[in-house]
């Protein structure tokens, strides 16, 4: 499960729901942000988040 701004964006309700259902939640950024052939939009999104100090490393 991912959000636009990464794991901190996911509401606590999602964490609680997954825990109640026995689902292991792996919260993070959109996987497409890490692919070298990602679309221009994903590359720009990643660059902006990193520039603001909020993006994936």
N, C-alpha and C. Protein backbone atom coordinates (compact mmCIF):
# COMPACT_ATOMS: atom_id res chain seq x y z
N UNK A 1 0.86 -1.17 0.00
CA UNK A 1 0.00 0.00 0.00
C UNK A 1 0.90 1.22 0.00
N UNK A 2 0.56 2.18 -0.82
CA UNK A 2 1.40 3.36 -0.87
C UNK A 2 0.55 4.62 -0.95
N UNK A 3 1.18 5.71 -0.61
CA UNK A 3 0.54 7.01 -0.72
C UNK A 3 1.43 7.94 -1.52
N UNK A 4 0.90 9.06 -1.89
CA UNK A 4 1.67 10.01 -2.69
C UNK A 4 2.92 10.49 -1.96
N UNK A 5 2.84 10.63 -0.67
CA UNK A 5 3.96 11.15 0.11
C UNK A 5 4.65 10.07 0.93
N UNK A 6 4.37 8.84 0.64
CA UNK A 6 5.03 7.75 1.34
C UNK A 6 4.28 7.24 2.54
N UNK A 7 4.96 6.48 3.40
CA UNK A 7 4.30 5.79 4.50
C UNK A 7 3.63 6.71 5.51
N UNK A 8 4.15 7.90 5.71
CA UNK A 8 3.55 8.78 6.72
C UNK A 8 2.19 9.31 6.31
N UNK A 9 1.84 9.17 5.03
CA UNK A 9 0.56 9.67 4.55
C UNK A 9 -0.59 8.72 4.86
N UNK A 10 -0.30 7.46 5.08
CA UNK A 10 -1.36 6.47 5.29
C UNK A 10 -2.04 6.69 6.64
N UNK A 11 -3.36 6.81 6.61
CA UNK A 11 -4.10 7.02 7.87
C UNK A 11 -3.96 5.81 8.80
N UNK A 12 -4.05 6.07 10.07
CA UNK A 12 -3.93 5.02 11.08
C UNK A 12 -5.00 3.94 10.89
N UNK A 13 -6.17 4.33 10.33
CA UNK A 13 -7.23 3.34 10.11
C UNK A 13 -6.78 2.23 9.18
N UNK A 14 -5.96 2.57 8.19
CA UNK A 14 -5.47 1.54 7.26
C UNK A 14 -4.54 0.57 7.98
N UNK A 15 -3.70 1.10 8.84
CA UNK A 15 -2.81 0.24 9.62
C UNK A 15 -3.64 -0.69 10.52
N UNK A 16 -4.65 -0.11 11.18
CA UNK A 16 -5.49 -0.89 12.09
C UNK A 16 -6.27 -1.97 11.33
N UNK A 17 -6.83 -1.62 10.18
CA UNK A 17 -7.59 -2.58 9.39
C UNK A 17 -6.72 -3.76 9.00
N UNK A 18 -5.53 -3.48 8.50
CA UNK A 18 -4.63 -4.56 8.09
C UNK A 18 -4.27 -5.45 9.28
N UNK A 19 -4.01 -4.85 10.43
CA UNK A 19 -3.67 -5.62 11.62
C UNK A 19 -4.84 -6.53 12.02
N UNK A 20 -6.06 -5.99 11.98
CA UNK A 20 -7.25 -6.78 12.33
C UNK A 20 -7.46 -7.96 11.38
N UNK A 21 -7.11 -7.78 10.12
CA UNK A 21 -7.32 -8.82 9.11
C UNK A 21 -6.14 -9.77 8.99
N UNK A 22 -5.08 -9.53 9.77
CA UNK A 22 -3.90 -10.37 9.70
C UNK A 22 -3.07 -10.12 8.45
N UNK A 23 -3.19 -8.92 7.90
CA UNK A 23 -2.45 -8.55 6.69
C UNK A 23 -1.19 -7.79 7.10
N UNK A 24 -0.06 -8.21 6.57
CA UNK A 24 1.18 -7.49 6.83
C UNK A 24 1.22 -6.28 5.91
N UNK A 25 1.19 -5.10 6.48
CA UNK A 25 1.18 -3.86 5.71
C UNK A 25 2.61 -3.42 5.46
N UNK A 26 2.93 -3.26 4.21
CA UNK A 26 4.23 -2.70 3.83
C UNK A 26 3.92 -1.33 3.25
N UNK A 27 4.06 -0.32 4.08
CA UNK A 27 3.71 1.03 3.68
C UNK A 27 4.92 1.70 3.05
N UNK A 28 4.68 2.41 1.98
CA UNK A 28 5.80 3.08 1.33
C UNK A 28 5.38 3.92 0.15
N UNK A 29 6.34 4.17 -0.69
CA UNK A 29 6.13 4.97 -1.88
C UNK A 29 5.69 4.08 -3.03
N UNK A 30 5.15 4.69 -4.05
CA UNK A 30 4.74 3.97 -5.25
C UNK A 30 5.94 3.24 -5.84
N UNK A 31 5.84 1.95 -6.08
CA UNK A 31 6.97 1.19 -6.62
C UNK A 31 7.47 1.73 -7.96
N UNK A 32 6.59 2.36 -8.72
CA UNK A 32 7.01 2.89 -10.02
C UNK A 32 8.03 4.02 -9.90
N UNK A 33 8.11 4.63 -8.72
CA UNK A 33 9.08 5.71 -8.52
C UNK A 33 10.52 5.20 -8.58
N UNK A 34 10.72 3.90 -8.47
CA UNK A 34 12.07 3.34 -8.39
C UNK A 34 12.53 2.69 -9.68
N UNK A 35 11.67 2.65 -10.68
CA UNK A 35 12.03 2.00 -11.93
C UNK A 35 12.74 2.98 -12.86
N UNK A 36 13.84 2.55 -13.47
CA UNK A 36 14.56 3.46 -14.37
C UNK A 36 13.71 3.86 -15.59
N UNK A 37 12.79 3.00 -15.99
CA UNK A 37 11.95 3.32 -17.15
C UNK A 37 10.60 3.91 -16.74
N UNK A 38 10.53 4.46 -15.53
CA UNK A 38 9.28 5.05 -15.04
C UNK A 38 8.91 6.25 -15.90
N UNK A 39 7.63 6.56 -15.89
CA UNK A 39 7.15 7.69 -16.68
C UNK A 39 7.76 9.00 -16.18
N UNK A 40 7.68 9.98 -17.02
CA UNK A 40 8.22 11.30 -16.67
C UNK A 40 7.54 11.83 -15.40
N UNK A 41 6.24 11.60 -15.27
CA UNK A 41 5.51 12.07 -14.09
C UNK A 41 6.08 11.45 -12.82
N UNK A 42 6.36 10.14 -12.84
CA UNK A 42 6.94 9.49 -11.66
C UNK A 42 8.33 10.03 -11.35
N UNK A 43 9.13 10.27 -12.36
CA UNK A 43 10.48 10.81 -12.14
C UNK A 43 10.43 12.22 -11.57
N UNK A 44 9.50 13.04 -12.07
CA UNK A 44 9.36 14.41 -11.55
C UNK A 44 8.88 14.37 -10.10
N UNK A 45 7.91 13.52 -9.82
CA UNK A 45 7.39 13.37 -8.46
C UNK A 45 8.51 12.98 -7.49
N UNK A 46 9.31 12.00 -7.88
CA UNK A 46 10.42 11.56 -7.04
C UNK A 46 11.42 12.69 -6.82
N UNK A 47 11.77 13.40 -7.89
CA UNK A 47 12.74 14.49 -7.79
C UNK A 47 12.23 15.60 -6.87
N UNK A 48 10.96 15.96 -6.98
CA UNK A 48 10.39 17.01 -6.13
C UNK A 48 10.39 16.60 -4.66
N UNK A 49 10.00 15.36 -4.39
CA UNK A 49 10.00 14.89 -3.00
C UNK A 49 11.41 14.88 -2.42
N UNK A 50 12.37 14.45 -3.20
CA UNK A 50 13.77 14.44 -2.73
C UNK A 50 14.27 15.87 -2.50
N UNK A 51 13.93 16.75 -3.40
CA UNK A 51 14.33 18.16 -3.26
C UNK A 51 13.79 18.75 -1.97
N UNK A 52 12.57 18.37 -1.60
CA UNK A 52 11.94 18.86 -0.37
C UNK A 52 12.37 18.08 0.87
N UNK A 53 13.23 17.07 0.67
CA UNK A 53 13.69 16.27 1.81
C UNK A 53 12.65 15.29 2.31
N UNK A 54 11.66 14.96 1.48
CA UNK A 54 10.58 14.08 1.93
C UNK A 54 10.49 12.80 1.10
N UNK A 55 11.40 12.63 0.17
CA UNK A 55 11.30 11.51 -0.75
C UNK A 55 12.09 10.30 -0.35
N UNK A 56 11.94 9.25 -1.15
CA UNK A 56 12.69 8.02 -0.89
C UNK A 56 14.18 8.23 -1.14
N UNK A 57 14.98 7.47 -0.49
CA UNK A 57 16.44 7.58 -0.64
C UNK A 57 16.92 6.64 -1.71
